[in-house]
Amino acid sequence: MSTTATAPVPGGPQGKPEQAKERKQTVSAKPVTWKLPVTLSVLATVAFIFFGLMGPQGTAKFGVSSGGDFFQLPAIEVPAFLSGIVLSLVLLGLAGYALVLKAKRNQRPPRWLPVVFTIVFVVAFLIWVVGGARTPSISLAGLIAGSVTLAVPIVFGSLSGVLCERAGVVNIAIEGQLLGGAFTAAIVASMTDNPYLGLLAAAVAGALVSMVLAVFSIKYVVNQIIVGVVLNVLISGLTGFLFSTVMQANKEMFNSPGRLPIIEIPVLSSIPVLGPILFKQSVVGYLMYVAVIVVWIGLFKTKWGLRVRSVGEHPQAADTLGIKVNATRFWNVTLGGAVAGIGGSFFTLVAIDSFTKEISGGRGFIALAAMILGRWNPIGAFFAALLFGFADNLQSIVTIIGTPVPSQFMAMLPYLVTVFAVAGLVGRSRPPAASGIPYVKG
């Protein structure tokens, strides 16, 4: 963000018109920090040591096509040690460029630099892990498709956070909304023998949880963080109690929801890599893509979205224009809960066909990190969620192929990515100005 200061040219307005022109000086209002250049430098150094100098001597093989693809693409084979050296040198070059921009010009790195750095780092990490495994071969198509699948509940949770925080309410209760949606989907689908009714019930359950958040934080002006944490604990305890006393007592009646079918679009689903991702999904998977597009268009291209963002940025100004601030916040939080509830149904109607205690596994909190990393933008949150889904799927695959990397490290990889992503980039993200601040009309 910058401010512009103007200074008149000597001669004043009474001189010639060209002499009366004002000289504009742009002064940066936000200092450029060393955080990003130093972070990139540390990561590049680690990559050079482990991926390059200590890299495996074998060959990493990546399959691109699967057996059912419309046409087959050859597998990609790369020498692990040489590739690690080259890619780590590229990382060092990018980090050095960021340091030079800060030291000599006091400029931030261009936006493409951290994106390119992340992609190169991930590729180098994959080659290092696969090249040193007992079975140095993985399916790249399966890795990406599985990552998208695992990211589905995170995407819905991050969209819920975006809808709430853009209206000025911090939604810490995403974990509870996911868990409530998963439980309700399982029990309704089991009792009705219809997973589609379970999907609808999950949205209702998520909305009800978020209504509690809305009532206490908006109407009674209770601290939003505290209400969210309490709701997470409440839903966790309630679903755990009902699981033990009701579901386990009669599993056939209350915990056999069945699964939503996978819908394949002919021909398109056989396109290598992209086919299984875009055209071979369950209803929840297709709804994920629709939700991202609809929320983005709604927030940034409609009158409704303008009102929501104005409520989240400057509620007093919105109120003077006739916008009902607290009503807008209430219904946005409710909508966000319904979206999160749909994401929760993924656990019991798509991933597995039953409910277990704490089935959401902390993904509500990862969704919060994805929302922050995505800068409170639906599309940004979507790609951030894919990053976490990729980390989650990768730790499963590399354990199977026998990588020398300790399994404990790979199990904590999704959460490690969460910590680094938020710690490295949250300082450059600006939440809605009124997020977390209750509005009392005075």
Protein backbone atom coordinates (compact mmCIF):
# COMPACT_ATOMS: atom_id res chain seq x y z
CA MET A 1 0.00 0.00 0.00
CA SER A 2 1.39 3.42 -0.79
CA THR A 3 0.57 7.06 -0.21
CA THR A 4 1.23 9.84 -2.66
CA ALA A 5 2.67 13.19 -1.55
CA THR A 6 2.63 16.16 -3.91
CA ALA A 7 4.95 19.14 -3.95
CA PRO A 8 4.41 22.23 -6.18
CA VAL A 9 7.12 23.22 -8.63
CA PRO A 10 8.71 26.61 -8.00
CA GLY A 11 6.83 29.27 -9.91
CA GLY A 12 3.48 28.37 -8.38
CA PRO A 13 0.15 28.30 -10.09
CA GLN A 14 0.64 31.83 -11.42
CA GLY A 15 3.42 30.76 -13.79
CA LYS A 16 3.05 28.88 -17.03
CA PRO A 17 0.75 25.83 -16.98
CA GLU A 18 3.66 23.44 -17.40
CA GLN A 19 5.42 25.15 -14.50
CA ALA A 20 2.35 24.76 -12.33
CA LYS A 21 2.40 20.95 -12.66
CA GLU A 22 2.86 19.08 -9.43
CA ARG A 23 5.67 16.67 -8.83
CA LYS A 24 4.41 13.38 -7.37
CA GLN A 25 6.54 11.41 -5.02
CA THR A 26 5.55 7.92 -4.05
CA VAL A 27 6.48 6.92 -0.55
CA SER A 28 6.12 3.34 0.58
CA ALA A 29 3.88 3.13 3.64
CA LYS A 30 4.81 -0.48 4.39
CA PRO A 31 8.48 -1.37 4.98
CA VAL A 32 10.07 -4.22 3.08
CA THR A 33 11.17 -6.93 5.52
CA TRP A 34 13.84 -9.61 5.33
CA LYS A 35 11.36 -12.38 6.16
CA LEU A 36 10.80 -13.80 2.69
CA PRO A 37 14.41 -13.50 1.38
CA VAL A 38 15.80 -15.12 4.54
CA THR A 39 13.18 -17.89 4.49
CA LEU A 40 13.94 -18.67 0.84
CA SER A 41 17.66 -18.64 1.56
CA VAL A 42 17.32 -21.12 4.43
CA LEU A 43 15.14 -23.45 2.37
CA ALA A 44 17.50 -23.21 -0.63
CA THR A 45 20.49 -24.05 1.58
CA VAL A 46 18.68 -27.05 3.06
CA ALA A 47 17.76 -28.18 -0.46
CA PHE A 48 21.36 -27.87 -1.65
CA ILE A 49 22.65 -29.97 1.25
CA PHE A 50 20.02 -32.71 1.29
CA PHE A 51 18.64 -32.80 -2.27
CA GLY A 52 21.99 -32.00 -3.92
CA LEU A 53 25.13 -32.95 -1.99
CA MET A 54 23.46 -35.78 -0.04
CA GLY A 55 21.07 -36.78 -2.82
CA PRO A 56 20.56 -40.42 -3.85
CA GLN A 57 22.50 -41.88 -6.77
CA GLY A 58 19.58 -43.75 -8.30
CA THR A 59 16.96 -42.86 -10.90
CA ALA A 60 13.51 -41.53 -10.06
CA LYS A 61 10.66 -42.70 -12.28
CA PHE A 62 7.33 -40.91 -12.54
CA GLY A 63 4.41 -42.48 -14.37
CA VAL A 64 2.18 -39.98 -16.15
CA SER A 65 -0.60 -42.16 -17.55
CA SER A 66 -2.75 -44.82 -15.92
CA GLY A 67 -4.08 -47.99 -17.50
CA GLY A 68 -7.48 -46.55 -18.41
CA ASP A 69 -6.27 -43.34 -20.06
CA PHE A 70 -7.46 -42.53 -23.56
CA PHE A 71 -3.86 -42.32 -24.78
CA GLN A 72 -0.67 -43.32 -23.01
CA LEU A 73 2.22 -41.01 -22.22
CA PRO A 74 5.72 -42.36 -21.52
CA ALA A 75 7.02 -42.35 -17.95
CA ILE A 76 9.51 -39.67 -16.92
CA GLU A 77 12.89 -40.92 -15.66
CA VAL A 78 15.45 -38.52 -14.18
CA PRO A 79 18.82 -39.04 -12.46
CA ALA A 80 18.20 -38.15 -8.82
CA PHE A 81 21.66 -36.79 -7.89
CA LEU A 82 22.18 -34.61 -10.96
CA SER A 83 18.61 -33.31 -10.85
CA GLY A 84 19.00 -32.47 -7.16
CA ILE A 85 22.17 -30.46 -7.83
CA VAL A 86 20.63 -28.52 -10.72
CA LEU A 87 17.34 -27.77 -8.98
CA SER A 88 19.02 -26.75 -5.71
CA LEU A 89 21.25 -24.34 -7.63
CA VAL A 90 18.11 -22.85 -9.20
CA LEU A 91 16.66 -22.42 -5.70
CA LEU A 92 19.86 -20.73 -4.51
CA GLY A 93 19.69 -18.39 -7.51
CA LEU A 94 16.08 -17.42 -6.76
CA ALA A 95 16.87 -16.85 -3.09
CA GLY A 96 19.93 -14.78 -4.03
CA TYR A 97 17.86 -12.64 -6.35
CA ALA A 98 15.38 -11.96 -3.51
CA LEU A 99 18.28 -10.98 -1.22
CA VAL A 100 19.74 -8.62 -3.82
CA LEU A 101 16.40 -6.89 -4.35
CA LYS A 102 16.09 -6.27 -0.62
CA ALA A 103 19.71 -5.30 0.07
CA LYS A 104 20.39 -3.02 -2.90
CA ARG A 105 16.99 -1.74 -3.97
CA ASN A 106 14.85 -2.30 -0.86
CA GLN A 107 12.26 -3.97 -3.09
CA ARG A 108 10.00 -6.94 -2.47
CA PRO A 109 10.55 -9.98 -4.67
CA PRO A 110 8.08 -10.18 -7.58
CA ARG A 111 5.00 -12.29 -6.95
CA TRP A 112 6.11 -15.00 -9.33
CA LEU A 113 9.30 -15.69 -7.41
CA PRO A 114 7.87 -17.51 -4.34
CA VAL A 115 5.50 -19.43 -6.62
CA VAL A 116 8.32 -20.64 -8.86
CA PHE A 117 10.48 -21.35 -5.79
CA THR A 118 7.72 -23.51 -4.27
CA ILE A 119 7.24 -25.51 -7.48
CA VAL A 120 10.98 -26.13 -7.93
CA PHE A 121 11.37 -27.07 -4.25
CA VAL A 122 8.49 -29.58 -4.45
CA VAL A 123 9.90 -31.15 -7.63
CA ALA A 124 13.36 -31.45 -6.04
CA PHE A 125 11.83 -32.97 -2.90
CA LEU A 126 9.89 -35.52 -4.97
CA ILE A 127 12.97 -36.57 -6.91
CA TRP A 128 14.98 -36.87 -3.70
CA VAL A 129 12.34 -38.99 -1.96
CA VAL A 130 11.51 -41.25 -4.92
CA GLY A 131 15.14 -41.63 -6.06
CA GLY A 132 16.15 -43.03 -2.68
CA ALA A 133 13.19 -45.38 -2.22
CA ARG A 134 13.25 -49.19 -2.44
CA THR A 135 10.80 -48.91 -5.33
CA PRO A 136 11.93 -45.69 -7.08
CA SER A 137 8.74 -45.22 -9.06
CA ILE A 138 5.40 -43.53 -8.41
CA SER A 139 2.38 -42.59 -10.48
CA LEU A 140 2.35 -38.84 -10.91
CA ALA A 141 -1.26 -38.98 -12.10
CA GLY A 142 -2.29 -40.92 -9.01
CA LEU A 143 -0.37 -38.56 -6.73
CA ILE A 144 -2.09 -35.47 -8.11
CA ALA A 145 -5.56 -37.05 -8.29
CA GLY A 146 -5.25 -38.32 -4.73
CA SER A 147 -4.08 -34.91 -3.57
CA VAL A 148 -7.18 -33.25 -5.01
CA THR A 149 -9.41 -35.85 -3.36
CA LEU A 150 -7.83 -35.35 0.05
CA ALA A 151 -8.08 -31.59 -0.36
CA VAL A 152 -11.89 -31.63 -0.80
CA PRO A 153 -12.86 -31.10 2.88
CA ILE A 154 -10.06 -28.55 3.29
CA VAL A 155 -11.37 -26.58 0.30
CA PHE A 156 -14.91 -26.51 1.70
CA GLY A 157 -13.60 -25.53 5.12
CA SER A 158 -11.48 -22.71 3.71
CA LEU A 159 -14.46 -21.42 1.69
CA SER A 160 -16.46 -21.37 4.91
CA GLY A 161 -13.74 -19.30 6.52
CA VAL A 162 -13.64 -16.90 3.57
CA LEU A 163 -17.41 -16.36 3.66
CA CYS A 164 -17.35 -15.65 7.41
CA GLU A 165 -14.24 -13.47 7.62
CA ARG A 166 -15.15 -11.41 4.57
CA ALA A 167 -18.23 -10.44 6.57
CA GLY A 168 -16.19 -9.72 9.69
CA VAL A 169 -16.61 -12.91 11.78
CA VAL A 170 -13.67 -15.18 12.63
CA ASN A 171 -14.77 -18.78 12.15
CA ILE A 172 -12.60 -20.97 14.38
CA ALA A 173 -15.42 -23.54 14.50
CA ILE A 174 -14.70 -25.00 11.04
CA GLU A 175 -13.44 -28.19 12.66
CA GLY A 176 -16.72 -28.59 14.52
CA GLN A 177 -18.74 -27.87 11.39
CA LEU A 178 -16.83 -30.51 9.42
CA LEU A 179 -17.26 -33.03 12.23
CA GLY A 180 -20.96 -32.23 12.66
CA GLY A 181 -21.52 -32.58 8.92
CA ALA A 182 -19.71 -35.93 8.82
CA PHE A 183 -21.72 -37.33 11.76
CA THR A 184 -25.09 -36.12 10.49
CA ALA A 185 -24.40 -37.36 6.95
CA ALA A 186 -23.58 -40.81 8.29
CA ILE A 187 -26.60 -41.19 10.56
CA VAL A 188 -29.16 -39.71 8.13
CA ALA A 189 -27.84 -41.67 5.15
CA SER A 190 -27.89 -44.85 7.23
CA MET A 191 -31.46 -44.38 8.46
CA THR A 192 -32.85 -43.38 5.06
CA ASP A 193 -30.56 -45.60 2.97
CA ASN A 194 -29.98 -42.55 0.77
CA PRO A 195 -26.52 -40.89 0.75
CA TYR A 196 -27.90 -37.85 -1.08
CA LEU A 197 -30.20 -37.10 1.85
CA GLY A 198 -27.14 -37.51 4.06
CA LEU A 199 -25.34 -34.89 1.97
CA LEU A 200 -28.23 -32.47 2.41
CA ALA A 201 -28.42 -33.18 6.14
CA ALA A 202 -24.69 -32.46 6.47
CA ALA A 203 -25.22 -28.96 5.08
CA VAL A 204 -28.06 -28.38 7.55
CA ALA A 205 -25.92 -29.61 10.46
CA GLY A 206 -23.05 -27.31 9.51
CA ALA A 207 -25.46 -24.39 9.25
CA LEU A 208 -26.89 -25.12 12.71
CA VAL A 209 -23.43 -25.20 14.28
CA SER A 210 -22.54 -21.91 12.62
CA MET A 211 -25.83 -20.37 13.78
CA VAL A 212 -24.73 -20.94 17.36
CA LEU A 213 -21.48 -19.15 16.53
CA ALA A 214 -23.42 -16.31 14.90
CA VAL A 215 -25.90 -15.85 17.74
CA PHE A 216 -23.31 -15.70 20.51
CA SER A 217 -20.69 -13.67 18.64
CA ILE A 218 -23.02 -11.23 16.85
CA LYS A 219 -26.08 -10.86 19.07
CA TYR A 220 -24.45 -11.33 22.48
CA VAL A 221 -21.02 -9.98 21.45
CA VAL A 222 -19.09 -12.91 22.94
CA ASN A 223 -15.46 -13.23 21.87
CA GLN A 224 -15.53 -15.01 18.51
CA ILE A 225 -12.37 -17.05 19.12
CA ILE A 226 -13.67 -18.37 22.44
CA VAL A 227 -17.06 -19.32 20.96
CA GLY A 228 -15.37 -21.13 18.09
CA VAL A 229 -13.07 -23.13 20.36
CA VAL A 230 -15.96 -24.05 22.66
CA LEU A 231 -18.03 -25.20 19.68
CA ASN A 232 -15.19 -27.42 18.45
CA VAL A 233 -14.93 -29.08 21.86
CA LEU A 234 -18.72 -29.36 22.17
CA ILE A 235 -19.23 -31.01 18.79
CA SER A 236 -16.27 -33.32 19.34
CA GLY A 237 -17.65 -34.47 22.68
CA LEU A 238 -21.25 -34.74 21.45
CA THR A 239 -20.44 -36.76 18.34
CA GLY A 240 -18.05 -38.97 20.30
CA PHE A 241 -20.73 -39.68 22.92
CA LEU A 242 -23.41 -40.45 20.31
CA PHE A 243 -20.97 -42.63 18.38
CA SER A 244 -20.27 -44.74 21.47
CA THR A 245 -23.86 -44.97 22.72
CA VAL A 246 -25.91 -45.00 19.52
CA MET A 247 -23.85 -45.87 16.48
CA GLN A 248 -21.85 -48.72 17.99
CA ALA A 249 -24.96 -50.19 19.58
CA ASN A 250 -26.60 -50.64 16.17
CA LYS A 251 -24.06 -50.12 13.43
CA GLU A 252 -26.31 -51.51 10.70
CA MET A 253 -29.05 -49.02 11.52
CA PHE A 254 -27.08 -45.88 12.35
CA ASN A 255 -23.57 -46.17 10.86
CA SER A 256 -23.85 -47.79 7.44
CA PRO A 257 -24.37 -44.80 5.16
CA GLY A 258 -23.01 -46.25 1.94
CA ARG A 259 -21.01 -44.14 -0.48
CA LEU A 260 -21.81 -41.54 -3.08
CA PRO A 261 -21.05 -42.99 -6.52
CA ILE A 262 -18.09 -41.83 -8.57
CA ILE A 263 -19.43 -40.17 -11.71
CA GLU A 264 -17.20 -40.53 -14.77
CA ILE A 265 -17.70 -38.32 -17.78
CA PRO A 266 -17.03 -40.48 -20.86
CA VAL A 267 -13.85 -39.78 -22.86
CA LEU A 268 -12.97 -36.70 -20.77
CA SER A 269 -12.25 -38.84 -17.70
CA SER A 270 -9.65 -40.76 -19.74
CA ILE A 271 -7.47 -37.71 -20.42
CA PRO A 272 -4.06 -38.34 -18.76
CA VAL A 273 -3.55 -36.57 -15.40
CA LEU A 274 -6.39 -34.03 -15.80
CA GLY A 275 -9.14 -36.55 -16.57
CA PRO A 276 -9.40 -38.21 -13.13
CA ILE A 277 -9.08 -34.83 -11.42
CA LEU A 278 -11.76 -32.93 -13.29
CA PHE A 279 -14.06 -35.55 -14.76
CA LYS A 280 -13.98 -38.54 -12.40
CA GLN A 281 -15.35 -37.31 -9.10
CA SER A 282 -18.17 -37.88 -6.66
CA VAL A 283 -20.96 -35.33 -6.31
CA VAL A 284 -19.02 -33.70 -3.46
CA GLY A 285 -15.95 -33.39 -5.69
CA TYR A 286 -17.89 -31.68 -8.46
CA LEU A 287 -19.60 -29.45 -5.89
CA MET A 288 -16.15 -28.35 -4.72
CA TYR A 289 -15.29 -26.87 -8.13
CA VAL A 290 -18.72 -25.26 -8.40
CA ALA A 291 -18.48 -23.80 -4.89
CA VAL A 292 -15.08 -22.19 -5.54
CA ILE A 293 -16.32 -20.51 -8.72
CA VAL A 294 -19.68 -19.44 -7.26
CA VAL A 295 -18.17 -17.98 -4.08
CA TRP A 296 -15.52 -16.07 -6.05
CA ILE A 297 -18.08 -14.62 -8.48
CA GLY A 298 -20.47 -13.86 -5.64
CA LEU A 299 -17.90 -12.02 -3.53
CA PHE A 300 -16.16 -10.03 -6.25
CA LYS A 301 -18.65 -9.65 -9.11
CA THR A 302 -22.05 -9.07 -7.51
CA LYS A 303 -23.81 -6.43 -5.44
CA TRP A 304 -24.22 -8.97 -2.65
CA GLY A 305 -20.48 -9.54 -2.53
CA LEU A 306 -19.78 -5.81 -2.43
CA ARG A 307 -22.08 -5.47 0.56
CA VAL A 308 -20.49 -8.42 2.33
CA ARG A 309 -16.97 -7.05 1.81
CA SER A 310 -18.03 -3.59 2.94
CA VAL A 311 -19.43 -5.10 6.15
CA GLY A 312 -16.13 -6.86 6.75
CA GLU A 313 -13.98 -3.82 5.97
CA HIS A 314 -15.92 -0.86 7.34
CA PRO A 315 -19.22 -1.78 9.03
CA GLN A 316 -19.94 1.81 10.15
CA ALA A 317 -19.80 3.08 6.58
CA ALA A 318 -21.92 0.15 5.39
CA ASP A 319 -24.49 0.92 8.08
CA THR A 320 -24.80 4.54 6.98
CA LEU A 321 -25.58 3.29 3.46
CA GLY A 322 -28.49 1.23 4.74
CA ILE A 323 -26.82 -2.18 4.84
CA LYS A 324 -27.92 -4.30 7.79
CA VAL A 325 -24.50 -5.19 9.15
CA ASN A 326 -25.35 -7.81 11.74
CA ALA A 327 -28.00 -9.47 9.58
CA THR A 328 -25.49 -9.75 6.73
CA ARG A 329 -22.94 -11.24 9.09
CA PHE A 330 -25.47 -13.71 10.53
CA TRP A 331 -26.53 -15.12 7.17
CA ASN A 332 -22.98 -15.23 5.84
CA VAL A 333 -21.83 -17.23 8.86
CA THR A 334 -24.80 -19.56 8.38
CA LEU A 335 -23.95 -20.02 4.70
CA GLY A 336 -20.33 -20.68 5.60
CA GLY A 337 -21.40 -23.37 8.04
CA ALA A 338 -23.52 -25.07 5.38
CA VAL A 339 -20.54 -25.11 3.02
CA ALA A 340 -18.32 -26.63 5.72
CA GLY A 341 -21.00 -29.22 6.49
CA ILE A 342 -20.94 -30.38 2.87
CA GLY A 343 -17.18 -30.74 3.19
CA GLY A 344 -17.69 -32.85 6.31
CA SER A 345 -19.92 -35.27 4.40
CA PHE A 346 -16.87 -36.20 2.33
CA PHE A 347 -15.44 -38.21 5.24
CA THR A 348 -18.42 -40.53 5.66
CA LEU A 349 -19.98 -40.57 2.18
CA VAL A 350 -16.87 -40.60 -0.04
CA ALA A 351 -13.64 -41.41 1.81
CA ILE A 352 -15.04 -44.23 3.97
CA ASP A 353 -18.55 -45.54 4.53
CA SER A 354 -18.84 -45.06 8.28
CA PHE A 355 -18.26 -42.52 11.04
CA THR A 356 -15.50 -42.73 13.64
CA LYS A 357 -14.47 -40.44 16.49
CA GLU A 358 -12.55 -37.32 15.41
CA ILE A 359 -12.84 -38.35 11.77
CA SER A 360 -12.06 -34.81 10.59
CA GLY A 361 -8.55 -35.14 12.01
CA GLY A 362 -7.83 -31.44 12.48
CA ARG A 363 -8.54 -30.51 8.88
CA GLY A 364 -10.70 -27.61 10.01
CA PHE A 365 -7.60 -25.92 11.38
CA ILE A 366 -5.66 -26.69 8.21
CA ALA A 367 -8.54 -25.09 6.31
CA LEU A 368 -7.99 -21.93 8.36
CA ALA A 369 -4.34 -21.96 7.33
CA ALA A 370 -5.36 -22.45 3.68
CA MET A 371 -7.69 -19.47 3.93
CA ILE A 372 -4.90 -17.28 5.31
CA LEU A 373 -2.37 -18.55 2.78
CA GLY A 374 -4.94 -17.90 0.04
CA ARG A 375 -5.35 -14.30 1.27
CA TRP A 376 -9.06 -14.61 2.02
CA ASN A 377 -9.72 -15.27 -1.67
CA PRO A 378 -11.70 -18.38 -2.74
CA ILE A 379 -9.34 -19.22 -5.60
CA GLY A 380 -6.24 -18.62 -3.50
CA ALA A 381 -7.68 -20.75 -0.70
CA PHE A 382 -8.43 -23.51 -3.23
CA PHE A 383 -4.82 -23.73 -4.41
CA ALA A 384 -3.52 -23.49 -0.84
CA ALA A 385 -5.79 -26.39 0.12
CA LEU A 386 -4.39 -28.39 -2.80
CA LEU A 387 -0.91 -27.83 -1.37
CA PHE A 388 -1.96 -29.35 1.95
CA GLY A 389 -3.77 -32.20 0.19
CA PHE A 390 -0.61 -32.87 -1.81
CA ALA A 391 1.46 -33.06 1.39
CA ASP A 392 -1.10 -35.40 2.97
CA ASN A 393 -1.18 -37.75 -0.02
CA LEU A 394 2.58 -37.67 -0.50
CA GLN A 395 3.27 -38.96 3.00
CA SER A 396 1.08 -41.99 2.28
CA ILE A 397 2.65 -42.79 -1.07
CA VAL A 398 6.31 -42.45 -0.08
CA THR A 399 5.70 -44.70 2.93
CA ILE A 400 4.41 -47.38 0.58
CA ILE A 401 7.38 -47.20 -1.82
CA GLY A 402 9.87 -47.53 1.04
CA THR A 403 11.59 -44.18 1.26
CA PRO A 404 14.52 -43.84 3.69
CA VAL A 405 12.87 -40.72 5.11
CA PRO A 406 11.46 -41.58 8.59
CA SER A 407 7.74 -42.34 8.50
CA GLN A 408 7.17 -40.02 11.48
CA PHE A 409 8.50 -37.09 9.46
CA MET A 410 6.27 -37.94 6.51
CA ALA A 411 3.24 -38.27 8.81
CA MET A 412 3.78 -34.77 10.14
CA LEU A 413 4.42 -33.35 6.65
CA PRO A 414 0.92 -31.83 6.13
CA TYR A 415 1.13 -30.01 9.46
CA LEU A 416 4.73 -28.96 8.84
CA VAL A 417 3.64 -27.42 5.54
CA THR A 418 0.83 -25.64 7.39
CA VAL A 419 3.22 -24.10 9.93
CA PHE A 420 5.78 -22.99 7.35
CA ALA A 421 3.17 -21.64 4.95
CA VAL A 422 1.40 -19.51 7.53
CA ALA A 423 4.58 -18.43 9.33
CA GLY A 424 6.25 -17.42 6.09
CA LEU A 425 3.42 -15.63 4.36
CA VAL A 426 0.88 -14.51 6.95
CA GLY A 427 2.83 -11.33 7.55
CA ARG A 428 2.20 -10.26 3.97
CA SER A 429 -1.51 -11.03 4.11
CA ARG A 430 -4.07 -8.52 5.29
CA PRO A 431 -7.36 -9.84 6.67
CA PRO A 432 -10.58 -7.84 6.35
CA ALA A 433 -10.18 -4.79 8.58
CA ALA A 434 -13.22 -5.52 10.77
CA SER A 435 -12.66 -9.29 11.03
CA GLY A 436 -13.17 -10.41 14.62
CA ILE A 437 -14.55 -7.03 15.72
CA PRO A 438 -18.21 -7.09 16.82
CA TYR A 439 -20.42 -4.29 15.56
CA VAL A 440 -22.70 -2.59 18.04
CA LYS A 441 -24.89 0.02 16.44
CA GLY A 442 -24.50 3.18 18.40
